[in-house]
Amino acid sequence: MMEIKIEIPKELEEEIKSVSKTTLSLIINKLIKEELEEMIRLKKIVSKSKMTEKDVEELQTKLMKQY
């Protein structure tokens, strides 16, 4: 299994410390899975469109700002 290192913002440190490592791992795995599924879904939509690569990059930038 791959490991990913993340940085936790200071304002979340105390809350994170109160969650077990197992629970935290499950939460993060779920979030990553959901985000990847959304990216795949969007790629399928975009692949069927007549958008240019530049259009796609602009759309991706806008979407990433929402998260």
PDB file of N, CA and C in Angstrom:
ATOM      1  N   MET A   1       0.851  -1.179   0.000  1.00  0.00           N
ATOM      2  CA  MET A   1       0.000   0.000   0.000  1.00  0.00           C
ATOM      3  C   MET A   1       0.894   1.238   0.000  1.00  0.00           C
ATOM      4  N   MET A   2       0.484   2.227  -0.760  1.00  0.00           N
ATOM      5  CA  MET A   2       1.240   3.470  -0.858  1.00  0.00           C
ATOM      6  C   MET A   2       0.976   4.340   0.364  1.00  0.00           C
ATOM      7  N   GLU A   3       1.987   5.073   0.764  1.00  0.00           N
ATOM      8  CA  GLU A   3       1.835   6.017   1.870  1.00  0.00           C
ATOM      9  C   GLU A   3       1.926   7.426   1.322  1.00  0.00           C
ATOM     10  N   ILE A   4       1.129   8.318   1.920  1.00  0.00           N
ATOM     11  CA  ILE A   4       1.126   9.720   1.525  1.00  0.00           C
ATOM     12  C   ILE A   4       1.340  10.557   2.774  1.00  0.00           C
ATOM     13  N   LYS A   5       2.218  11.515   2.664  1.00  0.00           N
ATOM     14  CA  LYS A   5       2.469  12.425   3.774  1.00  0.00           C
ATOM     15  C   LYS A   5       1.680  13.703   3.514  1.00  0.00           C
ATOM     16  N   ILE A   6       0.955  14.166   4.529  1.00  0.00           N
ATOM     17  CA  ILE A   6       0.189  15.402   4.390  1.00  0.00           C
ATOM     18  C   ILE A   6       0.540  16.364   5.509  1.00  0.00           C
ATOM     19  N   GLU A   7       0.318  17.621   5.252  1.00  0.00           N
ATOM     20  CA  GLU A   7       0.518  18.639   6.273  1.00  0.00           C
ATOM     21  C   GLU A   7      -0.850  19.076   6.771  1.00  0.00           C
ATOM     22  N   ILE A   8      -0.984  19.120   8.084  1.00  0.00           N
ATOM     23  CA  ILE A   8      -2.240  19.499   8.718  1.00  0.00           C
ATOM     24  C   ILE A   8      -2.141  20.958   9.148  1.00  0.00           C
ATOM     25  N   PRO A   9      -3.117  21.774   8.770  1.00  0.00           N
ATOM     26  CA  PRO A   9      -3.100  23.172   9.208  1.00  0.00           C
ATOM     27  C   PRO A   9      -3.141  23.258  10.742  1.00  0.00           C
ATOM     28  N   LYS A  10      -2.478  24.257  11.272  1.00  0.00           N
ATOM     29  CA  LYS A  10      -2.406  24.442  12.724  1.00  0.00           C
ATOM     30  C   LYS A  10      -3.779  24.409  13.383  1.00  0.00           C
ATOM     31  N   GLU A  11      -4.755  25.043  12.741  1.00  0.00           N
ATOM     32  CA  GLU A  11      -6.077  25.142  13.356  1.00  0.00           C
ATOM     33  C   GLU A  11      -6.781  23.786  13.475  1.00  0.00           C
ATOM     34  N   LEU A  12      -6.263  22.761  12.795  1.00  0.00           N
ATOM     35  CA  LEU A  12      -6.876  21.429  12.890  1.00  0.00           C
ATOM     36  C   LEU A  12      -6.078  20.454  13.750  1.00  0.00           C
ATOM     37  N   GLU A  13      -4.919  20.846  14.186  1.00  0.00           N
ATOM     38  CA  GLU A  13      -4.040  19.930  14.910  1.00  0.00           C
ATOM     39  C   GLU A  13      -4.691  19.288  16.132  1.00  0.00           C
ATOM     40  N   GLU A  14      -5.332  20.074  16.965  1.00  0.00           N
ATOM     41  CA  GLU A  14      -5.942  19.522  18.182  1.00  0.00           C
ATOM     42  C   GLU A  14      -7.054  18.535  17.866  1.00  0.00           C
ATOM     43  N   GLU A  15      -7.882  18.862  16.895  1.00  0.00           N
ATOM     44  CA  GLU A  15      -8.968  17.958  16.511  1.00  0.00           C
ATOM     45  C   GLU A  15      -8.412  16.654  15.953  1.00  0.00           C
ATOM     46  N   ILE A  16      -7.365  16.764  15.147  1.00  0.00           N
ATOM     47  CA  ILE A  16      -6.745  15.578  14.556  1.00  0.00           C
ATOM     48  C   ILE A  16      -6.156  14.685  15.654  1.00  0.00           C
ATOM     49  N   LYS A  17      -5.535  15.280  16.637  1.00  0.00           N
ATOM     50  CA  LYS A  17      -4.929  14.507  17.733  1.00  0.00           C
ATOM     51  C   LYS A  17      -5.964  13.709  18.519  1.00  0.00           C
ATOM     52  N   SER A  18      -7.190  14.181  18.513  1.00  0.00           N
ATOM     53  CA  SER A  18      -8.232  13.498  19.281  1.00  0.00           C
ATOM     54  C   SER A  18      -8.864  12.321  18.526  1.00  0.00           C
ATOM     55  N   VAL A  19      -8.463  12.121  17.280  1.00  0.00           N
ATOM     56  CA  VAL A  19      -9.013  11.037  16.461  1.00  0.00           C
ATOM     57  C   VAL A  19      -7.978   9.918  16.377  1.00  0.00           C
ATOM     58  N   SER A  20      -8.437   8.693  16.494  1.00  0.00           N
ATOM     59  CA  SER A  20      -7.505   7.565  16.411  1.00  0.00           C
ATOM     60  C   SER A  20      -6.889   7.482  15.019  1.00  0.00           C
ATOM     61  N   LYS A  21      -5.706   6.919  14.948  1.00  0.00           N
ATOM     62  CA  LYS A  21      -5.025   6.787  13.657  1.00  0.00           C
ATOM     63  C   LYS A  21      -5.833   5.944  12.681  1.00  0.00           C
ATOM     64  N   THR A  22      -6.481   4.914  13.178  1.00  0.00           N
ATOM     65  CA  THR A  22      -7.294   4.064  12.318  1.00  0.00           C
ATOM     66  C   THR A  22      -8.463   4.842  11.732  1.00  0.00           C
ATOM     67  N   THR A  23      -9.146   5.579  12.571  1.00  0.00           N
ATOM     68  CA  THR A  23     -10.284   6.375  12.108  1.00  0.00           C
ATOM     69  C   THR A  23      -9.824   7.436  11.123  1.00  0.00           C
ATOM     70  N   LEU A  24      -8.742   8.088  11.445  1.00  0.00           N
ATOM     71  CA  LEU A  24      -8.203   9.126  10.566  1.00  0.00           C
ATOM     72  C   LEU A  24      -7.815   8.538   9.215  1.00  0.00           C
ATOM     73  N   SER A  25      -7.208   7.393   9.232  1.00  0.00           N
ATOM     74  CA  SER A  25      -6.829   6.719   7.992  1.00  0.00           C
ATOM     75  C   SER A  25      -8.061   6.395   7.147  1.00  0.00           C
ATOM     76  N   LEU A  26      -9.109   5.903   7.792  1.00  0.00           N
ATOM     77  CA  LEU A  26     -10.345   5.597   7.067  1.00  0.00           C
ATOM     78  C   LEU A  26     -10.957   6.856   6.454  1.00  0.00           C
ATOM     79  N   ILE A  27     -10.954   7.933   7.204  1.00  0.00           N
ATOM     80  CA  ILE A  27     -11.511   9.202   6.718  1.00  0.00           C
ATOM     81  C   ILE A  27     -10.731   9.689   5.502  1.00  0.00           C
ATOM     82  N   ILE A  28      -9.427   9.690   5.622  1.00  0.00           N
ATOM     83  CA  ILE A  28      -8.588  10.185   4.530  1.00  0.00           C
ATOM     84  C   ILE A  28      -8.710   9.294   3.300  1.00  0.00           C
ATOM     85  N   ASN A  29      -8.732   7.990   3.502  1.00  0.00           N
ATOM     86  CA  ASN A  29      -8.908   7.069   2.373  1.00  0.00           C
ATOM     87  C   ASN A  29     -10.224   7.326   1.657  1.00  0.00           C
ATOM     88  N   LYS A  30     -11.276   7.549   2.429  1.00  0.00           N
ATOM     89  CA  LYS A  30     -12.588   7.819   1.838  1.00  0.00           C
ATOM     90  C   LYS A  30     -12.571   9.118   1.028  1.00  0.00           C
ATOM     91  N   LEU A  31     -11.973  10.149   1.592  1.00  0.00           N
ATOM     92  CA  LEU A  31     -11.899  11.436   0.893  1.00  0.00           C
ATOM     93  C   LEU A  31     -11.099  11.337  -0.400  1.00  0.00           C
ATOM     94  N   ILE A  32      -9.976  10.642  -0.339  1.00  0.00           N
ATOM     95  CA  ILE A  32      -9.160  10.471  -1.545  1.00  0.00           C
ATOM     96  C   ILE A  32      -9.942   9.703  -2.603  1.00  0.00           C
ATOM     97  N   LYS A  33     -10.592   8.646  -2.193  1.00  0.00           N
ATOM     98  CA  LYS A  33     -11.381   7.843  -3.134  1.00  0.00           C
ATOM     99  C   LYS A  33     -12.476   8.687  -3.787  1.00  0.00           C
ATOM    100  N   GLU A  34     -13.187   9.460  -2.984  1.00  0.00           N
ATOM    101  CA  GLU A  34     -14.262  10.298  -3.513  1.00  0.00           C
ATOM    102  C   GLU A  34     -13.724  11.333  -4.497  1.00  0.00           C
ATOM    103  N   GLU A  35     -12.607  11.945  -4.156  1.00  0.00           N
ATOM    104  CA  GLU A  35     -12.023  12.962  -5.040  1.00  0.00           C
ATOM    105  C   GLU A  35     -11.540  12.342  -6.348  1.00  0.00           C
ATOM    106  N   LEU A  36     -10.918  11.178  -6.271  1.00  0.00           N
ATOM    107  CA  LEU A  36     -10.456  10.510  -7.476  1.00  0.00           C
ATOM    108  C   LEU A  36     -11.627  10.091  -8.365  1.00  0.00           C
ATOM    109  N   GLU A  37     -12.689   9.598  -7.752  1.00  0.00           N
ATOM    110  CA  GLU A  37     -13.876   9.227  -8.526  1.00  0.00           C
ATOM    111  C   GLU A  37     -14.466  10.441  -9.233  1.00  0.00           C
ATOM    112  N   GLU A  38     -14.477  11.570  -8.560  1.00  0.00           N
ATOM    113  CA  GLU A  38     -14.986  12.801  -9.159  1.00  0.00           C
ATOM    114  C   GLU A  38     -14.094  13.255 -10.315  1.00  0.00           C
ATOM    115  N   MET A  39     -12.808  13.143 -10.141  1.00  0.00           N
ATOM    116  CA  MET A  39     -11.882  13.510 -11.214  1.00  0.00           C
ATOM    117  C   MET A  39     -12.086  12.608 -12.431  1.00  0.00           C
ATOM    118  N   ILE A  40     -12.252  11.335 -12.204  1.00  0.00           N
ATOM    119  CA  ILE A  40     -12.486  10.387 -13.298  1.00  0.00           C
ATOM    120  C   ILE A  40     -13.794  10.719 -14.003  1.00  0.00           C
ATOM    121  N   ARG A  41     -14.820  11.018 -13.230  1.00  0.00           N
ATOM    122  CA  ARG A  41     -16.120  11.375 -13.808  1.00  0.00           C
ATOM    123  C   ARG A  41     -15.993  12.627 -14.678  1.00  0.00           C
ATOM    124  N   LEU A  42     -15.286  13.609 -14.176  1.00  0.00           N
ATOM    125  CA  LEU A  42     -15.099  14.853 -14.934  1.00  0.00           C
ATOM    126  C   LEU A  42     -14.263  14.623 -16.189  1.00  0.00           C
ATOM    127  N   LYS A  43     -13.256  13.780 -16.085  1.00  0.00           N
ATOM    128  CA  LYS A  43     -12.435  13.474 -17.260  1.00  0.00           C
ATOM    129  C   LYS A  43     -13.274  12.818 -18.349  1.00  0.00           C
ATOM    130  N   LYS A  44     -14.195  11.945 -17.960  1.00  0.00           N
ATOM    131  CA  LYS A  44     -15.073  11.309 -18.944  1.00  0.00           C
ATOM    132  C   LYS A  44     -15.951  12.335 -19.637  1.00  0.00           C
ATOM    133  N   ILE A  45     -16.476  13.257 -18.862  1.00  0.00           N
ATOM    134  CA  ILE A  45     -17.318  14.312 -19.432  1.00  0.00           C
ATOM    135  C   ILE A  45     -16.497  15.164 -20.398  1.00  0.00           C
ATOM    136  N   VAL A  46     -15.333  15.568 -19.952  1.00  0.00           N
ATOM    137  CA  VAL A  46     -14.481  16.440 -20.761  1.00  0.00           C
ATOM    138  C   VAL A  46     -14.001  15.718 -22.020  1.00  0.00           C
ATOM    139  N   SER A  47     -13.721  14.439 -21.919  1.00  0.00           N
ATOM    140  CA  SER A  47     -13.219  13.697 -23.078  1.00  0.00           C
ATOM    141  C   SER A  47     -14.243  13.633 -24.207  1.00  0.00           C
ATOM    142  N   LYS A  48     -15.509  13.781 -23.876  1.00  0.00           N
ATOM    143  CA  LYS A  48     -16.570  13.749 -24.886  1.00  0.00           C
ATOM    144  C   LYS A  48     -16.861  15.134 -25.452  1.00  0.00           C
ATOM    145  N   SER A  49     -16.255  16.136 -24.871  1.00  0.00           N
ATOM    146  CA  SER A  49     -16.537  17.501 -25.301  1.00  0.00           C
ATOM    147  C   SER A  49     -15.574  17.932 -26.397  1.00  0.00           C
ATOM    148  N   LYS A  50     -15.842  19.081 -26.932  1.00  0.00           N
ATOM    149  CA  LYS A  50     -14.985  19.648 -27.966  1.00  0.00           C
ATOM    150  C   LYS A  50     -14.111  20.767 -27.401  1.00  0.00           C
ATOM    151  N   MET A  51     -13.941  20.726 -26.103  1.00  0.00           N
ATOM    152  CA  MET A  51     -13.124  21.736 -25.446  1.00  0.00           C
ATOM    153  C   MET A  51     -11.653  21.554 -25.819  1.00  0.00           C
ATOM    154  N   THR A  52     -10.929  22.658 -25.864  1.00  0.00           N
ATOM    155  CA  THR A  52      -9.497  22.572 -26.082  1.00  0.00           C
ATOM    156  C   THR A  52      -8.825  22.192 -24.775  1.00  0.00           C
ATOM    157  N   GLU A  53      -7.563  21.845 -24.877  1.00  0.00           N
ATOM    158  CA  GLU A  53      -6.832  21.498 -23.659  1.00  0.00           C
ATOM    159  C   GLU A  53      -6.754  22.706 -22.727  1.00  0.00           C
ATOM    160  N   LYS A  54      -6.630  23.882 -23.284  1.00  0.00           N
ATOM    161  CA  LYS A  54      -6.602  25.096 -22.478  1.00  0.00           C
ATOM    162  C   LYS A  54      -7.930  25.266 -21.728  1.00  0.00           C
ATOM    163  N   ASP A  55      -9.051  25.015 -22.408  1.00  0.00           N
ATOM    164  CA  ASP A  55     -10.368  25.091 -21.763  1.00  0.00           C
ATOM    165  C   ASP A  55     -10.449  24.119 -20.593  1.00  0.00           C
ATOM    166  N   VAL A  56      -9.930  22.932 -20.806  1.00  0.00           N
ATOM    167  CA  VAL A  56      -9.957  21.900 -19.770  1.00  0.00           C
ATOM    168  C   VAL A  56      -9.118  22.339 -18.566  1.00  0.00           C
ATOM    169  N   GLU A  57      -7.952  22.893 -18.829  1.00  0.00           N
ATOM    170  CA  GLU A  57      -7.094  23.354 -17.738  1.00  0.00           C
ATOM    171  C   GLU A  57      -7.767  24.461 -16.940  1.00  0.00           C
ATOM    172  N   GLU A  58      -8.446  25.364 -17.636  1.00  0.00           N
ATOM    173  CA  GLU A  58      -9.157  26.443 -16.943  1.00  0.00           C
ATOM    174  C   GLU A  58     -10.293  25.884 -16.090  1.00  0.00           C
ATOM    175  N   LEU A  59     -11.011  24.916 -16.630  1.00  0.00           N
ATOM    176  CA  LEU A  59     -12.090  24.281 -15.877  1.00  0.00           C
ATOM    177  C   LEU A  59     -11.531  23.563 -14.653  1.00  0.00           C
ATOM    178  N   GLN A  60     -10.442  22.858 -14.847  1.00  0.00           N
ATOM    179  CA  GLN A  60      -9.821  22.141 -13.728  1.00  0.00           C
ATOM    180  C   GLN A  60      -9.395  23.116 -12.636  1.00  0.00           C
ATOM    181  N   THR A  61      -8.811  24.225 -13.026  1.00  0.00           N
ATOM    182  CA  THR A  61      -8.384  25.233 -12.053  1.00  0.00           C
ATOM    183  C   THR A  61      -9.566  25.747 -11.266  1.00  0.00           C
ATOM    184  N   LYS A  62     -10.665  26.031 -11.939  1.00  0.00           N
ATOM    185  CA  LYS A  62     -11.868  26.530 -11.268  1.00  0.00           C
ATOM    186  C   LYS A  62     -12.424  25.488 -10.298  1.00  0.00           C
ATOM    187  N   LEU A  63     -12.428  24.243 -10.730  1.00  0.00           N
ATOM    188  CA  LEU A  63     -12.939  23.177  -9.869  1.00  0.00           C
ATOM    189  C   LEU A  63     -12.064  22.969  -8.646  1.00  0.00           C
ATOM    190  N   MET A  64     -10.766  23.029  -8.842  1.00  0.00           N
ATOM    191  CA  MET A  64      -9.851  22.818  -7.721  1.00  0.00           C
ATOM    192  C   MET A  64      -9.971  23.955  -6.696  1.00  0.00           C
ATOM    193  N   LYS A  65     -10.309  25.136  -7.131  1.00  0.00           N
ATOM    194  CA  LYS A  65     -10.492  26.245  -6.208  1.00  0.00           C
ATOM    195  C   LYS A  65     -11.696  26.022  -5.293  1.00  0.00           C
ATOM    196  N   GLN A  66     -12.645  25.238  -5.748  1.00  0.00           N
ATOM    197  CA  GLN A  66     -13.832  24.947  -4.938  1.00  0.00           C
ATOM    198  C   GLN A  66     -13.473  24.047  -3.765  1.00  0.00           C
ATOM    199  N   TYR A  67     -12.424  23.295  -3.880  1.00  0.00           N
ATOM    200  CA  TYR A  67     -12.038  22.352  -2.841  1.00  0.00           C
ATOM    201  C   TYR A  67     -10.919  22.942  -2.053  1.00  0.00           C
TER     202      TYR A  67
END
